[in-house]
C-alpha cells in the first residue's frame, strides 16, 4: 500500500487554528476533541487519500483534482499531487465555497 505525505498549507493551518480557537472560547473540552478528531482524519489521508469525494462546486467548472472530507460541519479540502496530499482549507459547511475560494485567490494576488 502506497503511503502519501500529508502537508498542511499555511491557509489550512490558519483555518484550523481559527476553528479550534473559536470552539475553545465556547467549550475547552469540545475544542480538544475537535482538534484531535480533525488531526486524525487528515493524517489518515496518508494511506487513504482517495476516500474523499470531488468538491461539487469545483467539479461544476471542471476542476476534479480537489477532494473533500466532511467532519461534522467542517469541510476539509485537499488535493493529491504525486505522493503528497495538500490540505488546502478547512471551512464551515454553512459558508459559501465559491466566495471562500474567491477570497483566497484575491488574497494571494494582493
Protein backbone atom coordinates (compact mmCIF):
# COMPACT_ATOMS: atom_id res chain seq x y z
CA UNK A 1 0.00 0.00 0.00
CA UNK A 2 1.40 3.37 -1.03
CA UNK A 3 1.93 5.95 1.67
CA UNK A 4 1.39 9.64 0.93
CA UNK A 5 2.81 12.63 2.79
CA UNK A 6 0.14 14.91 4.26
CA UNK A 7 1.17 18.56 4.00
CA UNK A 8 -0.69 21.36 5.76
CA UNK A 9 -0.64 24.62 3.79
CA UNK A 10 -0.47 27.97 5.57
CA UNK A 11 -4.16 28.53 4.80
CA UNK A 12 -5.24 25.19 6.23
CA UNK A 13 -3.19 25.76 9.40
CA UNK A 14 -4.75 29.21 9.79
CA UNK A 15 -8.26 27.82 9.22
CA UNK A 16 -7.66 25.04 11.73
CA UNK A 17 -6.28 27.42 14.36
CA UNK A 18 -9.25 29.76 13.91
CA UNK A 19 -11.76 26.91 14.21
CA UNK A 20 -10.16 25.47 17.33
CA UNK A 21 -9.77 28.92 18.86
CA UNK A 22 -13.42 29.74 18.22
CA UNK A 23 -14.62 26.46 19.73
CA UNK A 24 -12.22 26.87 22.68
CA UNK A 25 -13.99 30.09 23.67
CA UNK A 26 -17.25 28.14 23.94
CA UNK A 27 -16.02 24.86 25.38
CA UNK A 28 -12.43 23.80 26.08
CA UNK A 29 -13.23 20.08 26.10
CA UNK A 30 -15.02 20.24 22.76
CA UNK A 31 -12.11 22.13 21.24
CA UNK A 32 -9.66 19.45 22.36
CA UNK A 33 -11.89 16.69 20.98
CA UNK A 34 -12.33 18.56 17.69
CA UNK A 35 -8.59 19.18 17.46
CA UNK A 36 -7.75 15.50 17.81
CA UNK A 37 -10.55 14.33 15.53
CA UNK A 38 -9.64 16.64 12.64
CA UNK A 39 -5.92 15.90 13.03
CA UNK A 40 -6.65 12.17 12.87
CA UNK A 41 -8.93 12.48 9.83
CA UNK A 42 -6.29 14.50 8.00
CA UNK A 43 -3.47 12.14 8.94
CA UNK A 44 -5.48 9.15 7.71
CA UNK A 45 -5.14 10.64 4.23
CA UNK A 46 -1.58 9.32 4.21
CA UNK A 47 -2.96 5.88 3.29
CA UNK A 48 -6.45 6.71 2.00
CA UNK A 49 -6.26 9.97 0.02
CA UNK A 50 -8.95 8.99 -2.48
CA UNK A 51 -11.64 8.35 0.11
CA UNK A 52 -12.88 11.93 -0.10
CA UNK A 53 -15.20 12.95 -2.89
CA UNK A 54 -14.61 15.62 -5.53
CA UNK A 55 -15.70 19.09 -4.38
CA UNK A 56 -19.09 19.59 -6.12
CA UNK A 57 -18.77 23.38 -6.52
CA UNK A 58 -15.45 22.94 -8.29
CA UNK A 59 -16.49 19.93 -10.33
CA UNK A 60 -19.13 22.13 -12.00
CA UNK A 61 -16.26 24.10 -13.52
CA UNK A 62 -14.21 21.06 -14.48
CA UNK A 63 -11.83 21.11 -11.51
CA UNK A 64 -11.76 17.48 -10.46
CA UNK A 65 -8.41 17.42 -8.68
CA UNK A 66 -9.84 18.84 -5.46
CA UNK A 67 -11.37 16.49 -2.94
CA UNK A 68 -13.06 16.92 0.41
CA UNK A 69 -13.81 15.11 3.60
CA UNK A 70 -16.59 16.10 5.92
CA UNK A 71 -16.34 16.06 9.68
CA UNK A 72 -19.43 17.25 11.48
CA UNK A 73 -20.00 20.68 9.95
CA UNK A 74 -16.46 21.13 8.62
CA UNK A 75 -15.26 20.65 5.07
CA UNK A 76 -11.63 19.63 4.69
CA UNK A 77 -10.50 20.47 1.15
CA UNK A 78 -7.34 18.91 -0.27
CA UNK A 79 -5.55 17.94 -3.46
CA UNK A 80 -3.34 15.00 -4.32
CA UNK A 81 -0.14 15.54 -6.28
CA UNK A 82 2.17 12.61 -6.87
CA UNK A 83 2.87 11.22 -3.38
CA UNK A 84 1.67 14.30 -1.49
CA UNK A 85 -1.70 15.28 -0.07
CA UNK A 86 -2.01 19.06 0.32
CA UNK A 87 -4.56 20.24 2.86
CA UNK A 88 -5.83 23.48 1.36
CA UNK A 89 -8.62 24.77 3.55
CA UNK A 90 -10.98 23.82 6.31
CA UNK A 91 -14.28 25.67 6.33
CA UNK A 92 -17.69 25.55 7.91
CA UNK A 93 -20.11 23.78 5.58
CA UNK A 94 -22.51 26.71 6.03
CA UNK A 95 -20.05 29.01 4.29
CA UNK A 96 -20.31 29.61 0.56
CA UNK A 97 -17.45 27.67 -1.05
CA UNK A 98 -17.23 29.89 -4.11
CA UNK A 99 -16.95 33.07 -2.02
CA UNK A 100 -14.28 31.48 0.16
CA UNK A 101 -12.25 30.43 -2.87
CA UNK A 102 -12.53 33.89 -4.43
CA UNK A 103 -11.31 35.46 -1.16
CA UNK A 104 -8.37 33.07 -1.06
CA UNK A 105 -7.40 33.75 -4.65
CA UNK A 106 -7.72 37.50 -4.24
CA UNK A 107 -5.62 37.49 -1.06
CA UNK A 108 -2.81 35.80 -3.00
CA UNK A 109 -2.94 38.46 -5.73
CA UNK A 110 -2.71 41.48 -3.39
